[in-house]
PDB file of all heavy atoms in Angstrom:
ATOM      1  N   VAL A   1    -114.811 263.863  30.374  1.00  0.00           N
ATOM      2  CA  VAL A   1    -114.375 262.531  29.942  1.00  0.00           C
ATOM      3  C   VAL A   1    -113.761 262.617  28.552  1.00  0.00           C
ATOM      4  O   VAL A   1    -112.678 262.070  28.299  1.00  0.00           O
ATOM      5  CB  VAL A   1    -115.543 261.521  29.976  1.00  0.00           C
ATOM      6  CG1 VAL A   1    -115.165 260.234  29.260  1.00  0.00           C
ATOM      7  CG2 VAL A   1    -115.953 261.224  31.408  1.00  0.00           C
ATOM      8  N   LYS A   2    -114.414 263.303  27.619  1.00  0.00           N
ATOM      9  CA  LYS A   2    -113.880 263.435  26.255  1.00  0.00           C
ATOM     10  C   LYS A   2    -112.522 264.123  26.262  1.00  0.00           C
ATOM     11  O   LYS A   2    -111.597 263.701  25.568  1.00  0.00           O
ATOM     12  CB  LYS A   2    -114.859 264.224  25.381  1.00  0.00           C
ATOM     13  CG  LYS A   2    -116.102 263.468  25.036  1.00  0.00           C
ATOM     14  CD  LYS A   2    -117.047 264.352  24.239  1.00  0.00           C
ATOM     15  CE  LYS A   2    -118.412 263.694  24.106  1.00  0.00           C
ATOM     16  NZ  LYS A   2    -119.391 264.597  23.488  1.00  0.00           N
ATOM     17  N   GLU A   3    -112.404 265.197  27.026  1.00  0.00           N
ATOM     18  CA  GLU A   3    -111.156 265.964  27.068  1.00  0.00           C
ATOM     19  C   GLU A   3    -110.016 265.158  27.694  1.00  0.00           C
ATOM     20  O   GLU A   3    -108.911 265.116  27.152  1.00  0.00           O
ATOM     21  CB  GLU A   3    -111.370 267.258  27.856  1.00  0.00           C
ATOM     22  CG  GLU A   3    -110.174 268.160  27.900  1.00  0.00           C
ATOM     23  CD  GLU A   3    -109.841 268.809  26.569  1.00  0.00           C
ATOM     24  OE1 GLU A   3    -110.734 268.913  25.704  1.00  0.00           O
ATOM     25  OE2 GLU A   3    -108.671 269.200  26.390  1.00  0.00           O
ATOM     26  N   VAL A   4    -110.276 264.504  28.809  1.00  0.00           N
ATOM     27  CA  VAL A   4    -109.229 263.722  29.482  1.00  0.00           C
ATOM     28  C   VAL A   4    -108.780 262.566  28.591  1.00  0.00           C
ATOM     29  O   VAL A   4    -107.584 262.319  28.427  1.00  0.00           O
ATOM     30  CB  VAL A   4    -109.709 263.219  30.858  1.00  0.00           C
ATOM     31  CG1 VAL A   4    -108.745 262.208  31.448  1.00  0.00           C
ATOM     32  CG2 VAL A   4    -109.896 264.396  31.810  1.00  0.00           C
ATOM     33  N   LYS A   5    -109.732 261.845  27.995  1.00  0.00           N
ATOM     34  CA  LYS A   5    -109.372 260.728  27.113  1.00  0.00           C
ATOM     35  C   LYS A   5    -108.526 261.206  25.943  1.00  0.00           C
ATOM     36  O   LYS A   5    -107.500 260.604  25.612  1.00  0.00           O
ATOM     37  CB  LYS A   5    -110.629 260.020  26.609  1.00  0.00           C
ATOM     38  CG  LYS A   5    -111.298 259.151  27.660  1.00  0.00           C
ATOM     39  CD  LYS A   5    -112.488 258.405  27.101  1.00  0.00           C
ATOM     40  CE  LYS A   5    -112.041 257.470  26.042  1.00  0.00           C
ATOM     41  NZ  LYS A   5    -112.671 256.180  25.982  1.00  0.00           N
ATOM     42  N   ALA A   6    -108.930 262.298  25.315  1.00  0.00           N
ATOM     43  CA  ALA A   6    -108.194 262.816  24.157  1.00  0.00           C
ATOM     44  C   ALA A   6    -106.770 263.205  24.551  1.00  0.00           C
ATOM     45  O   ALA A   6    -105.805 262.871  23.846  1.00  0.00           O
ATOM     46  CB  ALA A   6    -108.932 264.007  23.560  1.00  0.00           C
ATOM     47  N   ARG A   7    -106.622 263.896  25.658  1.00  0.00           N
ATOM     48  CA  ARG A   7    -105.288 264.333  26.088  1.00  0.00           C
ATOM     49  C   ARG A   7    -104.410 263.157  26.486  1.00  0.00           C
ATOM     50  O   ARG A   7    -103.223 263.110  26.155  1.00  0.00           O
ATOM     51  CB  ARG A   7    -105.394 265.307  27.241  1.00  0.00           C
ATOM     52  CG  ARG A   7    -105.902 266.663  26.819  1.00  0.00           C
ATOM     53  CD  ARG A   7    -106.050 267.582  28.009  1.00  0.00           C
ATOM     54  NE  ARG A   7    -106.570 268.854  27.629  1.00  0.00           N
ATOM     55  CZ  ARG A   7    -105.846 269.969  27.565  1.00  0.00           C
ATOM     56  NH1 ARG A   7    -104.563 269.943  27.852  1.00  0.00           N
ATOM     57  NH2 ARG A   7    -106.401 271.106  27.215  1.00  0.00           N
ATOM     58  N   MET A   8    -104.967 262.204  27.209  1.00  0.00           N
ATOM     59  CA  MET A   8    -104.158 261.076  27.674  1.00  0.00           C
ATOM     60  C   MET A   8    -103.781 260.141  26.526  1.00  0.00           C
ATOM     61  O   MET A   8    -102.674 259.624  26.480  1.00  0.00           O
ATOM     62  CB  MET A   8    -104.883 260.319  28.781  1.00  0.00           C
ATOM     63  CG  MET A   8    -104.984 261.131  30.056  1.00  0.00           C
ATOM     64  SD  MET A   8    -105.696 260.217  31.411  1.00  0.00           S
ATOM     65  CE  MET A   8    -104.377 259.081  31.760  1.00  0.00           C
ATOM     66  N   GLU A   9    -104.695 259.918  25.595  1.00  0.00           N
ATOM     67  CA  GLU A   9    -104.406 259.014  24.482  1.00  0.00           C
ATOM     68  C   GLU A   9    -103.412 259.613  23.495  1.00  0.00           C
ATOM     69  O   GLU A   9    -102.781 258.884  22.732  1.00  0.00           O
ATOM     70  CB  GLU A   9    -105.700 258.613  23.771  1.00  0.00           C
ATOM     71  CG  GLU A   9    -106.539 257.685  24.616  1.00  0.00           C
ATOM     72  CD  GLU A   9    -107.858 257.272  24.005  1.00  0.00           C
ATOM     73  OE1 GLU A   9    -108.335 257.931  23.066  1.00  0.00           O
ATOM     74  OE2 GLU A   9    -108.423 256.272  24.488  1.00  0.00           O
ATOM     75  N   SER A  10    -103.241 260.925  23.521  1.00  0.00           N
ATOM     76  CA  SER A  10    -102.272 261.556  22.621  1.00  0.00           C
ATOM     77  C   SER A  10    -101.047 262.057  23.378  1.00  0.00           C
ATOM     78  O   SER A  10    -100.245 262.821  22.836  1.00  0.00           O
ATOM     79  CB  SER A  10    -102.940 262.712  21.871  1.00  0.00           C
ATOM     80  OG  SER A  10    -103.327 263.735  22.765  1.00  0.00           O
ATOM     81  N   ALA A  11    -100.858 261.617  24.605  1.00  0.00           N
ATOM     82  CA  ALA A  11     -99.749 262.095  25.443  1.00  0.00           C
ATOM     83  C   ALA A  11     -98.384 261.638  24.938  1.00  0.00           C
ATOM     84  O   ALA A  11     -97.383 262.302  25.172  1.00  0.00           O
ATOM     85  CB  ALA A  11     -99.939 261.634  26.884  1.00  0.00           C
ATOM     86  N   ALA A  12     -98.338 260.526  24.244  1.00  0.00           N
ATOM     87  CA  ALA A  12     -97.072 260.006  23.733  1.00  0.00           C
ATOM     88  C   ALA A  12     -97.333 259.263  22.431  1.00  0.00           C
ATOM     89  O   ALA A  12     -98.411 258.708  22.230  1.00  0.00           O
ATOM     90  CB  ALA A  12     -96.432 259.063  24.745  1.00  0.00           C
ATOM     91  N   GLU A  13     -96.338 259.257  21.574  1.00  0.00           N
ATOM     92  CA  GLU A  13     -96.446 258.521  20.318  1.00  0.00           C
ATOM     93  C   GLU A  13     -95.684 257.210  20.482  1.00  0.00           C
ATOM     94  O   GLU A  13     -94.455 257.209  20.624  1.00  0.00           O
ATOM     95  CB  GLU A  13     -95.856 259.351  19.190  1.00  0.00           C
ATOM     96  CG  GLU A  13     -96.364 258.938  17.834  1.00  0.00           C
ATOM     97  CD  GLU A  13     -95.984 259.941  16.764  1.00  0.00           C
ATOM     98  OE1 GLU A  13     -96.283 261.129  16.936  1.00  0.00           O
ATOM     99  OE2 GLU A  13     -95.381 259.495  15.773  1.00  0.00           O
ATOM    100  N   LEU A  14     -96.419 256.114  20.509  1.00  0.00           N
ATOM    101  CA  LEU A  14     -95.834 254.795  20.741  1.00  0.00           C
ATOM    102  C   LEU A  14     -96.149 253.860  19.580  1.00  0.00           C
ATOM    103  O   LEU A  14     -97.025 254.158  18.756  1.00  0.00           O
ATOM    104  CB  LEU A  14     -96.385 254.203  22.043  1.00  0.00           C
ATOM    105  CG  LEU A  14     -96.214 255.050  23.305  1.00  0.00           C
ATOM    106  CD1 LEU A  14     -96.967 254.423  24.454  1.00  0.00           C
ATOM    107  CD2 LEU A  14     -94.743 255.218  23.639  1.00  0.00           C
ATOM    108  N   LYS A  15     -95.507 252.717  19.569  1.00  0.00           N
ATOM    109  CA  LYS A  15     -95.810 251.712  18.544  1.00  0.00           C
ATOM    110  C   LYS A  15     -97.138 251.019  18.809  1.00  0.00           C
ATOM    111  O   LYS A  15     -97.714 250.412  17.922  1.00  0.00           O
ATOM    112  CB  LYS A  15     -94.694 250.676  18.468  1.00  0.00           C
ATOM    113  CG  LYS A  15     -93.402 251.246  17.926  1.00  0.00           C
ATOM    114  CD  LYS A  15     -92.342 250.178  17.827  1.00  0.00           C
ATOM    115  CE  LYS A  15     -91.059 250.774  17.283  1.00  0.00           C
ATOM    116  NZ  LYS A  15     -89.998 249.779  17.137  1.00  0.00           N
ATOM    117  N   VAL A  16     -97.591 251.071  20.025  1.00  0.00           N
ATOM    118  CA  VAL A  16     -98.893 250.507  20.399  1.00  0.00           C
ATOM    119  C   VAL A  16     -99.790 251.661  20.852  1.00  0.00           C
ATOM    120  O   VAL A  16     -99.305 252.680  21.344  1.00  0.00           O
ATOM    121  CB  VAL A  16     -98.774 249.463  21.529  1.00  0.00           C
ATOM    122  CG1 VAL A  16     -97.978 248.255  21.069  1.00  0.00           C
ATOM    123  CG2 VAL A  16     -98.144 250.071  22.759  1.00  0.00           C
ATOM    124  N   PRO A  17    -101.084 251.527  20.677  1.00  0.00           N
ATOM    125  CA  PRO A  17    -101.964 252.640  21.053  1.00  0.00           C
ATOM    126  C   PRO A  17    -102.104 252.788  22.565  1.00  0.00           C
ATOM    127  O   PRO A  17    -102.051 251.805  23.304  1.00  0.00           O
ATOM    128  CB  PRO A  17    -103.307 252.239  20.440  1.00  0.00           C
ATOM    129  CG  PRO A  17    -103.255 250.755  20.334  1.00  0.00           C
ATOM    130  CD  PRO A  17    -101.815 250.410  20.091  1.00  0.00           C
ATOM    131  N   LEU A  18    -102.239 254.018  23.005  1.00  0.00           N
ATOM    132  CA  LEU A  18    -102.601 254.290  24.393  1.00  0.00           C
ATOM    133  C   LEU A  18    -104.120 254.269  24.446  1.00  0.00           C
ATOM    134  O   LEU A  18    -104.781 255.002  23.710  1.00  0.00           O
ATOM    135  CB  LEU A  18    -102.101 255.664  24.827  1.00  0.00           C
ATOM    136  CG  LEU A  18    -100.613 255.811  25.053  1.00  0.00           C
ATOM    137  CD1 LEU A  18    -100.254 257.270  25.279  1.00  0.00           C
ATOM    138  CD2 LEU A  18    -100.182 254.988  26.244  1.00  0.00           C
ATOM    139  N   ILE A  19    -104.665 253.427  25.268  1.00  0.00           N
ATOM    140  CA  ILE A  19    -106.113 253.299  25.364  1.00  0.00           C
ATOM    141  C   ILE A  19    -106.546 253.725  26.752  1.00  0.00           C
ATOM    142  O   ILE A  19    -106.020 253.240  27.752  1.00  0.00           O
ATOM    143  CB  ILE A  19    -106.566 251.846  25.086  1.00  0.00           C
ATOM    144  CG1 ILE A  19    -106.144 251.448  23.675  1.00  0.00           C
ATOM    145  CG2 ILE A  19    -108.067 251.710  25.268  1.00  0.00           C
ATOM    146  CD1 ILE A  19    -106.328 249.991  23.363  1.00  0.00           C
ATOM    147  N   VAL A  20    -107.500 254.623  26.803  1.00  0.00           N
ATOM    148  CA  VAL A  20    -107.985 255.159  28.062  1.00  0.00           C
ATOM    149  C   VAL A  20    -109.431 254.726  28.262  1.00  0.00           C
ATOM    150  O   VAL A  20    -110.259 254.897  27.370  1.00  0.00           O
ATOM    151  CB  VAL A  20    -107.886 256.704  28.074  1.00  0.00           C
ATOM    152  CG1 VAL A  20    -108.499 257.268  29.342  1.00  0.00           C
ATOM    153  CG2 VAL A  20    -106.446 257.140  27.924  1.00  0.00           C
ATOM    154  N   ASP A  21    -109.727 254.149  29.398  1.00  0.00           N
ATOM    155  CA  ASP A  21    -111.092 253.815  29.781  1.00  0.00           C
ATOM    156  C   ASP A  21    -111.539 254.811  30.838  1.00  0.00           C
ATOM    157  O   ASP A  21    -110.733 255.247  31.666  1.00  0.00           O
ATOM    158  CB  ASP A  21    -111.180 252.398  30.377  1.00  0.00           C
ATOM    159  CG  ASP A  21    -110.916 251.320  29.350  1.00  0.00           C
ATOM    160  OD1 ASP A  21    -111.390 251.468  28.212  1.00  0.00           O
ATOM    161  OD2 ASP A  21    -110.244 250.339  29.696  1.00  0.00           O
ATOM    162  N   ALA A  22    -112.809 255.133  30.812  1.00  0.00           N
ATOM    163  CA  ALA A  22    -113.342 256.064  31.816  1.00  0.00           C
ATOM    164  C   ALA A  22    -114.616 255.473  32.403  1.00  0.00           C
ATOM    165  O   ALA A  22    -115.435 254.900  31.683  1.00  0.00           O
ATOM    166  CB  ALA A  22    -113.633 257.416  31.190  1.00  0.00           C
ATOM    167  N   GLY A  23    -114.743 255.605  33.695  1.00  0.00           N
ATOM    168  CA  GLY A  23    -115.952 255.168  34.376  1.00  0.00           C
ATOM    169  C   GLY A  23    -116.499 256.325  35.189  1.00  0.00           C
ATOM    170  O   GLY A  23    -115.749 257.184  35.643  1.00  0.00           O
ATOM    171  N   VAL A  24    -117.800 256.344  35.343  1.00  0.00           N
ATOM    172  CA  VAL A  24    -118.449 257.433  36.075  1.00  0.00           C
ATOM    173  C   VAL A  24    -119.358 256.833  37.130  1.00  0.00           C
ATOM    174  O   VAL A  24    -120.090 255.872  36.857  1.00  0.00           O
ATOM    175  CB  VAL A  24    -119.279 258.329  35.122  1.00  0.00           C
ATOM    176  CG1 VAL A  24    -120.004 259.410  35.875  1.00  0.00           C
ATOM    177  CG2 VAL A  24    -118.389 258.910  34.041  1.00  0.00           C
TER     178      VAL A  24
END
């Protein structure tokens, strides 16, 4: 979960944040 969130939230540099939610 930590790794996927970190990679997805930093996948692109945008004016708005990329926010990733994870459920298990």
